Protein backbone atom coordinates (compact mmCIF):
# COMPACT_ATOMS: atom_id res chain seq x y z
CA UNK A 1 11.54 -23.44 -22.88
CA UNK A 2 10.50 -20.29 -21.03
CA UNK A 3 13.05 -18.76 -18.67
CA UNK A 4 12.11 -17.56 -15.18
CA UNK A 5 14.44 -15.40 -13.10
CA UNK A 6 14.10 -15.23 -9.33
CA UNK A 7 15.59 -11.82 -8.52
CA UNK A 8 15.94 -12.42 -4.81
CA UNK A 9 15.18 -15.06 -2.22
CA UNK A 10 11.59 -16.31 -1.98
CA UNK A 11 10.27 -18.70 0.63
CA UNK A 12 8.36 -20.87 -1.83
CA UNK A 13 6.87 -24.16 -0.73
CA UNK A 14 8.14 -27.33 -2.37
CA UNK A 15 4.86 -27.51 -4.28
CA UNK A 16 5.30 -23.96 -5.60
CA UNK A 17 8.90 -24.67 -6.62
CA UNK A 18 7.70 -27.70 -8.56
CA UNK A 19 5.05 -25.64 -10.33
CA UNK A 20 7.59 -23.00 -11.35
CA UNK A 21 9.95 -25.70 -12.61
CA UNK A 22 7.10 -27.15 -14.65
CA UNK A 23 6.40 -23.71 -16.14
CA UNK A 24 9.94 -22.96 -17.23
CA UNK A 25 13.66 -23.00 -16.55
CA UNK A 26 14.13 -21.34 -13.15
CA UNK A 27 17.32 -19.54 -12.17
CA UNK A 28 18.15 -17.33 -9.18
CA UNK A 29 20.03 -14.09 -9.80
CA UNK A 30 21.51 -11.56 -7.38
CA UNK A 31 22.11 -7.97 -8.44
CA UNK A 32 24.34 -5.41 -6.76
CA UNK A 33 23.01 -2.36 -8.61
CA UNK A 34 20.27 -1.27 -10.98
CA UNK A 35 22.52 -1.64 -14.03
CA UNK A 36 23.66 -5.05 -12.81
CA UNK A 37 19.99 -6.08 -12.40
CA UNK A 38 19.18 -5.11 -16.00
CA UNK A 39 22.07 -7.09 -17.40
CA UNK A 40 21.24 -10.17 -15.35
CA UNK A 41 17.49 -10.32 -16.04
CA UNK A 42 17.67 -9.54 -19.77
CA UNK A 43 16.51 -12.47 -21.85
CA UNK A 44 14.20 -13.92 -19.21
CA UNK A 45 10.52 -14.28 -20.03
CA UNK A 46 9.50 -13.72 -16.42
CA UNK A 47 11.21 -11.92 -13.56
CA UNK A 48 10.00 -12.62 -10.02
CA UNK A 49 11.06 -9.67 -7.90
CA UNK A 50 10.71 -8.01 -4.52
CA UNK A 51 10.60 -4.73 -6.45
CA UNK A 52 14.27 -3.75 -6.30
CA UNK A 53 15.28 -1.66 -9.35
CA UNK A 54 12.00 -2.35 -11.17
CA UNK A 55 10.73 1.23 -11.30
CA UNK A 56 14.15 2.47 -12.35
CA UNK A 57 14.96 -0.10 -15.01
CA UNK A 58 11.87 -1.93 -16.26
CA UNK A 59 11.92 0.25 -19.37
CA UNK A 60 15.30 -1.19 -20.34
CA UNK A 61 13.79 -4.67 -20.80
CA UNK A 62 11.83 -6.22 -23.65
CA UNK A 63 9.30 -9.06 -23.88
CA UNK A 64 9.01 -9.84 -20.19
CA UNK A 65 6.67 -10.06 -17.25
CA UNK A 66 7.83 -8.66 -13.93
CA UNK A 67 5.78 -9.87 -10.98
CA UNK A 68 6.09 -9.22 -7.26
CA UNK A 69 4.32 -10.65 -4.15
CA UNK A 70 2.52 -7.60 -2.73
CA UNK A 71 0.10 -4.89 -3.84
CA UNK A 72 1.70 -1.46 -4.34
CA UNK A 73 5.08 -1.02 -6.01
CA UNK A 74 4.83 2.63 -6.96
CA UNK A 75 4.12 4.78 -10.01
CA UNK A 76 5.08 3.88 -13.58
CA UNK A 77 3.70 4.24 -17.09
CA UNK A 78 2.26 0.90 -18.18
CA UNK A 79 1.55 2.17 -21.70
CA UNK A 80 5.21 2.98 -22.29
CA UNK A 81 6.31 -0.41 -20.99
CA UNK A 82 3.73 -2.19 -23.16
CA UNK A 83 5.39 -0.73 -26.26
CA UNK A 84 8.33 -2.99 -25.39
CA UNK A 85 6.03 -5.86 -24.47
CA UNK A 86 6.94 -5.48 -20.80
CA UNK A 87 4.25 -5.96 -18.19
CA UNK A 88 4.12 -5.70 -14.41
CA UNK A 89 1.80 -7.85 -12.28
CA UNK A 90 1.10 -7.55 -8.57
CA UNK A 91 -0.34 -9.90 -5.95
CA UNK A 92 -3.76 -8.28 -6.04
CA UNK A 93 -5.69 -8.75 -2.83
CA UNK A 94 -3.07 -10.87 -1.12
CA UNK A 95 -2.57 -8.52 1.82
CA UNK A 96 -5.99 -6.83 1.88
CA UNK A 97 -7.22 -8.50 5.06
CA UNK A 98 -4.03 -7.75 6.97
CA UNK A 99 -4.05 -4.10 5.87
CA UNK A 100 -7.74 -3.80 6.76
CA UNK A 101 -6.91 -5.03 10.27
CA UNK A 102 -4.29 -2.29 10.61
CA UNK A 103 -6.77 0.32 9.36
CA UNK A 104 -9.30 -0.68 12.01
CA UNK A 105 -6.56 -0.59 14.65
CA UNK A 106 -5.70 2.94 13.52
CA UNK A 107 -9.29 4.17 13.69
CA UNK A 108 -9.95 2.47 17.03
CA UNK A 109 -6.76 3.96 18.45
CA UNK A 110 -7.71 7.47 17.35
CA UNK A 111 -11.36 7.45 18.43
CA UNK A 112 -11.03 5.31 21.56
CA UNK A 113 -7.57 6.62 22.56
CA UNK A 114 -6.45 3.11 23.45
CA UNK A 115 -2.68 3.81 23.23
CA UNK A 116 -3.06 6.36 26.04
CA UNK A 117 -4.36 3.73 28.42
CA UNK A 118 -2.17 0.76 27.54
CA UNK A 119 -0.15 -0.21 30.63
CA UNK A 120 -0.60 3.28 32.01
CA UNK A 121 0.85 4.10 35.41
CA UNK A 122 -0.97 7.44 35.49
CA UNK A 123 -4.29 7.80 37.29
CA UNK A 124 -6.52 9.44 34.68
CA UNK A 125 -9.79 11.15 35.53
CA UNK A 126 -12.88 9.48 34.10
CA UNK A 127 -12.53 9.77 30.31
CA UNK A 128 -15.30 9.12 27.80
CA UNK A 129 -14.02 8.37 24.30
CA UNK A 130 -15.76 8.10 20.92
CA UNK A 131 -17.13 4.86 19.50
CA UNK A 132 -16.77 4.09 15.81
CA UNK A 133 -20.51 3.48 15.64
CA UNK A 134 -22.27 6.10 13.54
CA UNK A 135 -19.07 7.78 12.41
CA UNK A 136 -18.86 8.81 8.75
CA UNK A 137 -15.81 7.42 6.96
CA UNK A 138 -14.88 8.32 3.41
CA UNK A 139 -12.60 5.79 1.76
CA UNK A 140 -10.44 7.31 -0.96
CA UNK A 141 -10.07 4.52 -3.49
CA UNK A 142 -12.53 1.73 -4.20
CA UNK A 143 -10.10 -1.03 -5.13
CA UNK A 144 -9.56 -4.37 -3.43
CA UNK A 145 -8.09 -2.97 -0.23
CA UNK A 146 -10.34 0.08 0.02
CA UNK A 147 -13.40 -2.14 -0.37
CA UNK A 148 -12.14 -4.55 2.28
CA UNK A 149 -11.63 -1.70 4.75
CA UNK A 150 -15.05 -0.28 3.94
CA UNK A 151 -16.71 -3.61 4.69
CA UNK A 152 -14.92 -3.81 8.06
CA UNK A 153 -16.04 -0.27 8.86
CA UNK A 154 -19.64 -1.19 8.10
CA UNK A 155 -19.34 -4.13 10.49
CA UNK A 156 -18.43 -1.60 13.22
CA UNK A 157 -21.55 0.41 12.43
CA UNK A 158 -19.81 3.21 10.56
CA UNK A 159 -21.38 5.05 7.63
CA UNK A 160 -19.17 4.34 4.61
CA UNK A 161 -18.85 6.14 1.31
CA UNK A 162 -16.16 5.97 -1.37
CA UNK A 163 -14.34 8.64 -3.34
CA UNK A 164 -13.66 7.57 -6.90
CA UNK A 165 -11.96 9.24 -9.84
CA UNK A 166 -14.14 12.04 -11.19
CA UNK A 167 -15.76 12.89 -7.84
CA UNK A 168 -15.31 16.31 -6.24
CA UNK A 169 -12.57 15.57 -3.71
CA UNK A 170 -13.25 18.36 -1.22
CA UNK A 171 -17.01 17.91 -1.43
CA UNK A 172 -16.63 14.18 -0.79
CA UNK A 173 -14.85 14.58 2.54
CA UNK A 174 -16.20 17.82 4.03
CA UNK A 175 -18.55 16.00 6.41
CA UNK A 176 -16.31 12.97 7.09
CA UNK A 177 -15.31 12.09 10.64
CA UNK A 178 -12.42 10.07 9.23
CA UNK A 179 -10.75 10.02 5.81
CA UNK A 180 -9.16 6.69 4.89
CA UNK A 181 -6.57 6.98 2.12
CA UNK A 182 -6.43 3.76 0.06
CA UNK A 183 -5.23 5.41 -3.16
CA UNK A 184 -2.66 3.75 -5.38
CA UNK A 185 0.26 5.50 -7.04
CA UNK A 186 -0.31 6.86 -10.54
CA UNK A 187 -0.12 10.18 -12.35
CA UNK A 188 -3.56 11.29 -11.15
CA UNK A 189 -2.87 10.69 -7.45
CA UNK A 190 0.52 12.36 -7.10
CA UNK A 191 0.25 14.74 -4.12
CA UNK A 192 -3.54 14.67 -4.55
CA UNK A 193 -4.03 15.18 -0.84
CA UNK A 194 -2.17 18.46 -0.48
CA UNK A 195 -2.15 21.16 2.19
CA UNK A 196 -5.34 22.67 0.80
CA UNK A 197 -7.08 19.30 1.06
CA UNK A 198 -6.18 18.81 4.70
CA UNK A 199 -7.21 22.35 5.61
CA UNK A 200 -10.61 21.66 3.96
CA UNK A 201 -11.35 18.61 6.11
CA UNK A 202 -14.02 18.70 8.80
CA UNK A 203 -12.86 20.27 12.07
CA UNK A 204 -11.43 17.53 14.28
CA UNK A 205 -11.63 14.79 11.65
CA UNK A 206 -9.02 12.05 11.56
CA UNK A 207 -6.81 10.93 8.67
CA UNK A 208 -5.78 7.28 8.32
CA UNK A 209 -3.50 5.88 5.63
CA UNK A 210 -1.35 2.93 4.67
CA UNK A 211 -0.81 4.37 1.16
CA UNK A 212 2.52 5.67 0.00
CA UNK A 213 3.31 9.37 0.55
CA UNK A 214 3.28 9.76 -3.23
CA UNK A 215 -0.45 10.44 -2.74
CA UNK A 216 -0.30 12.97 0.12
CA UNK A 217 1.72 15.85 1.53
CA UNK A 218 2.94 15.00 5.03
CA UNK A 219 3.96 18.63 5.66
CA UNK A 220 0.46 19.79 4.70
CA UNK A 221 -1.06 17.23 7.05
CA UNK A 222 1.13 18.30 9.96
CA UNK A 223 0.28 21.97 9.30
CA UNK A 224 -3.44 21.14 9.37
CA UNK A 225 -3.00 19.26 12.64
CA UNK A 226 -1.08 22.15 14.19
CA UNK A 227 -3.81 24.55 13.00
CA UNK A 228 -6.40 22.48 14.85
CA UNK A 229 -8.25 21.43 11.69
CA UNK A 230 -7.27 17.76 11.52
CA UNK A 231 -7.70 16.09 14.91
CA UNK A 232 -4.99 13.48 14.40
CA UNK A 233 -3.75 10.75 12.09
CA UNK A 234 -2.72 7.11 11.93
CA UNK A 235 -0.02 6.43 9.34
CA UNK A 236 1.75 3.27 8.32
CA UNK A 237 5.06 4.81 7.37
CA UNK A 238 6.66 4.52 4.00
CA UNK A 239 9.10 4.52 2.09
CA UNK A 240 11.27 1.43 2.29
CA UNK A 241 12.80 -0.40 3.94
CA UNK A 242 10.31 -2.09 6.22
CA UNK A 243 10.62 -1.28 9.92
CA UNK A 244 12.98 1.65 9.24
CA UNK A 245 12.52 4.24 11.99
CA UNK A 246 15.50 6.34 10.91
CA UNK A 247 14.16 7.79 7.66
CA UNK A 248 13.09 11.43 7.40
CA UNK A 249 9.44 10.63 6.72
CA UNK A 250 9.10 8.60 9.90
CA UNK A 251 10.80 11.34 11.90
CA UNK A 252 8.34 13.90 10.51
CA UNK A 253 5.46 11.75 11.69
CA UNK A 254 7.05 11.45 15.13
CA UNK A 255 7.30 15.24 15.33
CA UNK A 256 3.54 15.45 15.96
CA UNK A 257 2.14 13.80 19.09
CA UNK A 258 -1.19 13.53 17.28
CA UNK A 259 0.17 11.17 14.63
CA UNK A 260 0.16 7.47 15.46
CA UNK A 261 2.83 6.03 13.22
CA UNK A 262 3.99 2.48 12.50
CA UNK A 263 7.06 1.55 10.40
CA UNK A 264 5.42 0.05 7.30
CA UNK A 265 3.94 -3.00 9.01
CA UNK A 266 0.28 -2.84 7.93
CA UNK A 267 0.49 -5.70 5.45
CA UNK A 268 3.28 -7.66 7.13
CA UNK A 269 1.70 -10.89 8.34
CA UNK A 270 2.49 -14.54 7.72
CA UNK A 271 -0.84 -14.92 5.96
CA UNK A 272 -0.25 -11.97 3.62
CA UNK A 273 3.25 -13.23 2.79
CA UNK A 274 1.94 -16.70 1.93
CA UNK A 275 -0.88 -15.23 -0.15
CA UNK A 276 1.51 -12.98 -2.03
CA UNK A 277 3.89 -15.78 -3.01
CA UNK A 278 1.03 -18.00 -4.16
CA UNK A 279 -0.47 -15.23 -6.31
CA UNK A 280 2.97 -14.50 -7.78
CA UNK A 281 3.38 -18.15 -8.78
CA UNK A 282 -0.09 -18.06 -10.33
CA UNK A 283 0.90 -14.90 -12.23
CA UNK A 284 3.87 -16.74 -13.71
CA UNK A 285 1.79 -19.77 -14.69
CA UNK A 286 -1.00 -17.71 -16.24
CA UNK A 287 1.36 -15.45 -18.19
CA UNK A 288 3.32 -18.32 -19.68
CA UNK A 289 0.06 -20.06 -20.56
CA UNK A 290 -1.04 -16.98 -22.51
CA UNK A 291 -3.66 -15.94 -19.94
CA UNK A 292 -2.01 -13.06 -18.03
CA UNK A 293 -3.61 -11.89 -14.79
CA UNK A 294 -3.12 -9.01 -12.35
CA UNK A 295 -1.40 -6.89 -15.01
CA UNK A 296 -1.19 -3.29 -13.79
CA UNK A 297 -2.43 -0.54 -16.13
CA UNK A 298 -0.99 2.55 -14.47
CA UNK A 299 -0.25 5.80 -16.26
């Protein structure tokens, strides 16, 4: 019988628990370190994880699926893992609607300046802000989430185009009013949006991202803002843990008044959580049935 390890606590429904039990022998493990995690999950056919220790230690396993209930875990080499018959599956699309909502909030906040006027006690002179209508947005990344955001932008009357691998990066964004970073983490995206990129953006354009800082240089962005090139930014802060406002990255974002920053909350909704757990259970069922889905092919 197949063995399934739950590396952490998951709020599965009774129906999902029954499905996992029907798919294999389910056991819960708790690890105190990366080495402890490896020892405890070895021998399992499937490891359900929140992502702890996976990037560090997946290569130490053999003949296993690791699956987690959200979209982006980070960078790894899928080809190298496949040599050991180890695969990683995500919850593709589970949080796309929630993240798209955050992206629209970010763009609306930047163009309409809503945070300035929320519960204000200051009497402002008449202020005319910019509508999203007619603005040109370039979405970097045309995956599930990038596409979802693009469709929402179109509904607001924005002109949407997508940057995809092989396009000229600087040429793609030079006329953009807003650049939306929906890139995932792989070898080709590491620090892709560097200081030179931000300095090449259209004067006064905005930068919006929920992607991990693996893909962009926060110091380069801040320098471009201070130089008056980039007009401002909306960033859902990373790295882990969620809601951490003490990490250095978050503090860097706070250092610029023109950066609207949230503590990694873009995809944190009840709906996204439920979707992610359901997709993870499906990943387990499909893999053990010999029909794997959502397997990541990063390099």
